[in-house]
Amino acid sequence: MEYVGLLAPIAFVFAMSAYCQLSALRKEVESLKAEIAKLKVK
């Protein structure tokens, strides 16, 4: 069971990386939604 404690920092790094990528993806989706809305107006 000692190895589980050693894996916690690695899991934390992967979780933070995934969160950052998700945040970037959300920003990209929002910008694409805005772009699509502009095209629909024209």
Protein backbone atom coordinates (compact mmCIF):
# COMPACT_ATOMS: atom_id res chain seq x y z
CA MET A 1 0.00 0.00 0.00
CA GLU A 2 2.98 2.32 0.28
CA TYR A 3 3.20 2.71 -3.48
CA VAL A 4 -0.26 4.30 -3.57
CA GLY A 5 1.12 7.29 -1.68
CA LEU A 6 3.93 7.58 -4.19
CA LEU A 7 1.49 7.69 -7.10
CA ALA A 8 -0.53 10.56 -5.65
CA PRO A 9 1.79 13.37 -6.87
CA ILE A 10 1.88 11.86 -10.37
CA ALA A 11 -1.91 11.58 -10.42
CA PHE A 12 -2.14 15.20 -9.28
CA VAL A 13 0.09 16.35 -12.15
CA PHE A 14 -1.99 14.42 -14.68
CA ALA A 15 -5.20 15.85 -13.21
CA MET A 16 -3.88 19.42 -13.42
CA SER A 17 -2.76 18.85 -17.00
CA ALA A 18 -6.17 17.49 -17.95
CA TYR A 19 -7.87 20.44 -16.26
CA CYS A 20 -5.73 22.92 -18.19
CA GLN A 21 -6.43 21.16 -21.47
CA LEU A 22 -10.15 21.15 -20.71
CA SER A 23 -10.05 24.84 -19.95
CA ALA A 24 -8.29 25.55 -23.24
CA LEU A 25 -10.82 23.39 -25.09
CA ARG A 26 -13.72 25.28 -23.51
CA LYS A 27 -12.22 28.59 -24.62
CA GLU A 28 -11.80 27.26 -28.15
CA VAL A 29 -15.42 26.04 -28.24
CA GLU A 30 -16.66 29.42 -27.03
CA SER A 31 -14.66 31.23 -29.72
CA LEU A 32 -16.01 28.89 -32.38
CA LYS A 33 -19.57 29.45 -31.14
CA ALA A 34 -19.05 33.21 -31.44
CA GLU A 35 -17.64 32.81 -34.93
CA ILE A 36 -20.60 30.66 -36.01
CA ALA A 37 -23.01 33.20 -34.54
CA LYS A 38 -21.33 35.97 -36.57
CA LEU A 39 -21.68 33.92 -39.76
CA LYS A 40 -25.38 33.25 -39.10
CA VAL A 41 -26.06 36.97 -38.73
CA LYS A 42 -24.66 37.78 -42.17
